[in-house]
């Protein structure tokens, strides 16, 4: 597992996440971690971001390396997060951990039940035309 692999973000995702973080008066926990991650991001034009890199609205297939189970999540803004639909908020610990991770990379996610070792199997990025940032509130 890589320590701090390169984190590639589109200009649009970077702007939306920056606005979200600015709306939080006293960031703590996951919001602070997200702010740290954002500060090390390599910001690229939408067409330059690797297609296998997790960004907002990406669908991510994850394999639990200890259990062998595969789960699919969608990284979303807090206003669209919905555990019943496996939409995880960018402000949730898993959301922060997923941001910028690429297919084939492993990472560790600290859960209340202990550490989970996960591998990104596949990333499906939403096309720019289907973006849902605009009409939705950030929180």
Protein backbone atom coordinates (compact mmCIF):
# COMPACT_ATOMS: atom_id res chain seq x y z
CA UNK A 1 0.00 0.00 0.00
CA UNK A 2 1.36 3.35 -1.02
CA UNK A 3 1.78 6.12 1.47
CA UNK A 4 0.10 9.26 0.08
CA UNK A 5 -0.15 8.32 -3.60
CA UNK A 6 -0.65 11.17 -6.06
CA UNK A 7 -4.12 12.67 -5.79
CA UNK A 8 -5.50 13.95 -9.10
CA UNK A 9 -8.61 16.16 -9.07
CA UNK A 10 -10.50 17.97 -11.78
CA UNK A 11 -10.68 21.75 -11.53
CA UNK A 12 -14.45 21.45 -11.01
CA UNK A 13 -14.16 18.90 -8.17
CA UNK A 14 -11.45 20.98 -6.52
CA UNK A 15 -13.62 24.12 -6.67
CA UNK A 16 -16.74 22.36 -5.36
CA UNK A 17 -14.88 20.69 -2.48
CA UNK A 18 -13.13 23.98 -1.62
CA UNK A 19 -16.52 25.73 -1.43
CA UNK A 20 -17.88 22.92 0.71
CA UNK A 21 -14.97 23.20 3.15
CA UNK A 22 -15.31 27.00 3.30
CA UNK A 23 -18.96 26.55 4.35
CA UNK A 24 -17.85 24.65 7.48
CA UNK A 25 -17.05 27.18 10.21
CA UNK A 26 -15.08 24.89 12.50
CA UNK A 27 -13.83 21.90 10.50
CA UNK A 28 -12.88 18.84 12.52
CA UNK A 29 -12.36 15.13 11.97
CA UNK A 30 -12.99 14.12 8.37
CA UNK A 31 -13.35 17.73 7.20
CA UNK A 32 -9.82 18.50 8.45
CA UNK A 33 -8.47 15.38 6.76
CA UNK A 34 -10.26 16.38 3.53
CA UNK A 35 -8.69 19.83 3.76
CA UNK A 36 -5.24 18.20 4.08
CA UNK A 37 -5.93 15.96 1.10
CA UNK A 38 -7.12 18.91 -0.98
CA UNK A 39 -3.91 20.82 -0.23
CA UNK A 40 -1.80 18.07 -1.84
CA UNK A 41 -4.06 17.54 -4.86
CA UNK A 42 -2.76 17.87 -8.38
CA UNK A 43 -5.49 19.89 -10.11
CA UNK A 44 -6.02 19.12 -13.79
CA UNK A 45 -8.51 19.95 -16.51
CA UNK A 46 -11.41 17.49 -16.66
CA UNK A 47 -10.06 15.74 -19.75
CA UNK A 48 -6.60 15.36 -18.15
CA UNK A 49 -7.70 13.61 -14.94
CA UNK A 50 -6.91 9.89 -15.16
CA UNK A 51 -10.14 8.02 -15.96
CA UNK A 52 -9.43 5.53 -13.17
CA UNK A 53 -9.06 8.20 -10.47
CA UNK A 54 -11.91 8.66 -7.95
CA UNK A 55 -13.63 12.06 -8.01
CA UNK A 56 -17.06 13.37 -7.11
CA UNK A 57 -19.86 11.22 -8.50
CA UNK A 58 -17.46 8.39 -9.36
CA UNK A 59 -18.69 4.84 -8.86
CA UNK A 60 -16.04 2.78 -7.11
CA UNK A 61 -15.86 -1.00 -6.85
CA UNK A 62 -13.90 -1.97 -3.71
CA UNK A 63 -12.58 -5.36 -2.67
CA UNK A 64 -12.05 -6.06 1.03
CA UNK A 65 -8.63 -7.71 0.98
CA UNK A 66 -9.28 -9.68 4.17
CA UNK A 67 -12.83 -10.87 3.46
CA UNK A 68 -12.72 -11.05 -0.33
CA UNK A 69 -16.05 -9.19 -0.55
CA UNK A 70 -16.68 -6.61 -3.27
CA UNK A 71 -18.82 -3.51 -2.67
CA UNK A 72 -19.70 -0.58 -4.92
CA UNK A 73 -19.99 3.01 -3.70
CA UNK A 74 -20.59 6.39 -5.30
CA UNK A 75 -18.66 9.38 -3.94
CA UNK A 76 -21.04 12.30 -3.51
CA UNK A 77 -21.59 15.65 -1.92
CA UNK A 78 -23.23 15.49 1.53
CA UNK A 79 -26.61 16.57 0.12
CA UNK A 80 -26.72 13.47 -2.11
CA UNK A 81 -25.25 10.96 0.36
CA UNK A 82 -27.53 7.98 0.96
CA UNK A 83 -26.38 4.76 2.64
CA UNK A 84 -29.32 2.84 1.13
CA UNK A 85 -28.00 3.68 -2.35
CA UNK A 86 -24.31 3.25 -1.33
CA UNK A 87 -23.69 6.96 -1.90
CA UNK A 88 -20.96 8.02 0.49
CA UNK A 89 -20.39 11.67 1.39
CA UNK A 90 -17.06 13.30 0.59
CA UNK A 91 -17.13 14.36 4.28
CA UNK A 92 -17.42 10.78 5.59
CA UNK A 93 -14.18 9.01 6.55
CA UNK A 94 -14.59 6.57 3.64
CA UNK A 95 -15.29 9.46 1.26
CA UNK A 96 -12.07 11.20 2.26
CA UNK A 97 -10.16 7.93 1.89
CA UNK A 98 -11.57 7.34 -1.61
CA UNK A 99 -10.86 10.77 -3.07
CA UNK A 100 -8.20 10.53 -5.76
CA UNK A 101 -7.48 6.83 -5.28
CA UNK A 102 -6.95 4.97 -8.55
CA UNK A 103 -7.98 1.55 -9.80
CA UNK A 104 -5.51 -1.07 -8.61
CA UNK A 105 -4.45 0.90 -5.54
CA UNK A 106 -4.85 -0.42 -2.02
CA UNK A 107 -5.64 1.69 1.03
CA UNK A 108 -6.54 1.27 4.67
CA UNK A 109 -9.81 2.59 6.07
CA UNK A 110 -10.16 2.98 9.82
CA UNK A 111 -13.69 1.94 10.86
CA UNK A 112 -15.28 1.64 14.32
CA UNK A 113 -14.79 -2.14 13.95
CA UNK A 114 -11.08 -1.80 13.14
CA UNK A 115 -8.92 -1.35 10.08
CA UNK A 116 -10.12 -2.56 6.69
CA UNK A 117 -7.67 -3.18 3.88
CA UNK A 118 -9.32 -2.29 0.57
CA UNK A 119 -8.39 -2.39 -3.10
CA UNK A 120 -9.99 -0.24 -5.77
CA UNK A 121 -11.06 -2.71 -8.45
CA UNK A 122 -12.77 -0.34 -10.87
CA UNK A 123 -13.64 3.36 -11.13
CA UNK A 124 -16.37 4.73 -13.35
CA UNK A 125 -16.23 8.51 -13.64
CA UNK A 126 -19.38 10.42 -14.48
CA UNK A 127 -19.24 12.33 -17.73
CA UNK A 128 -19.06 16.12 -17.52
CA UNK A 129 -22.45 16.42 -19.27
CA UNK A 130 -24.13 14.40 -16.53
CA UNK A 131 -22.60 16.41 -13.68
CA UNK A 132 -24.91 17.00 -10.74
CA UNK A 133 -22.96 19.61 -8.80
CA UNK A 134 -24.83 22.69 -9.99
CA UNK A 135 -28.43 22.53 -8.80
CA UNK A 136 -27.72 20.75 -5.51
CA UNK A 137 -26.70 22.32 -2.23
CA UNK A 138 -23.29 21.43 -0.88
CA UNK A 139 -24.38 20.23 2.56
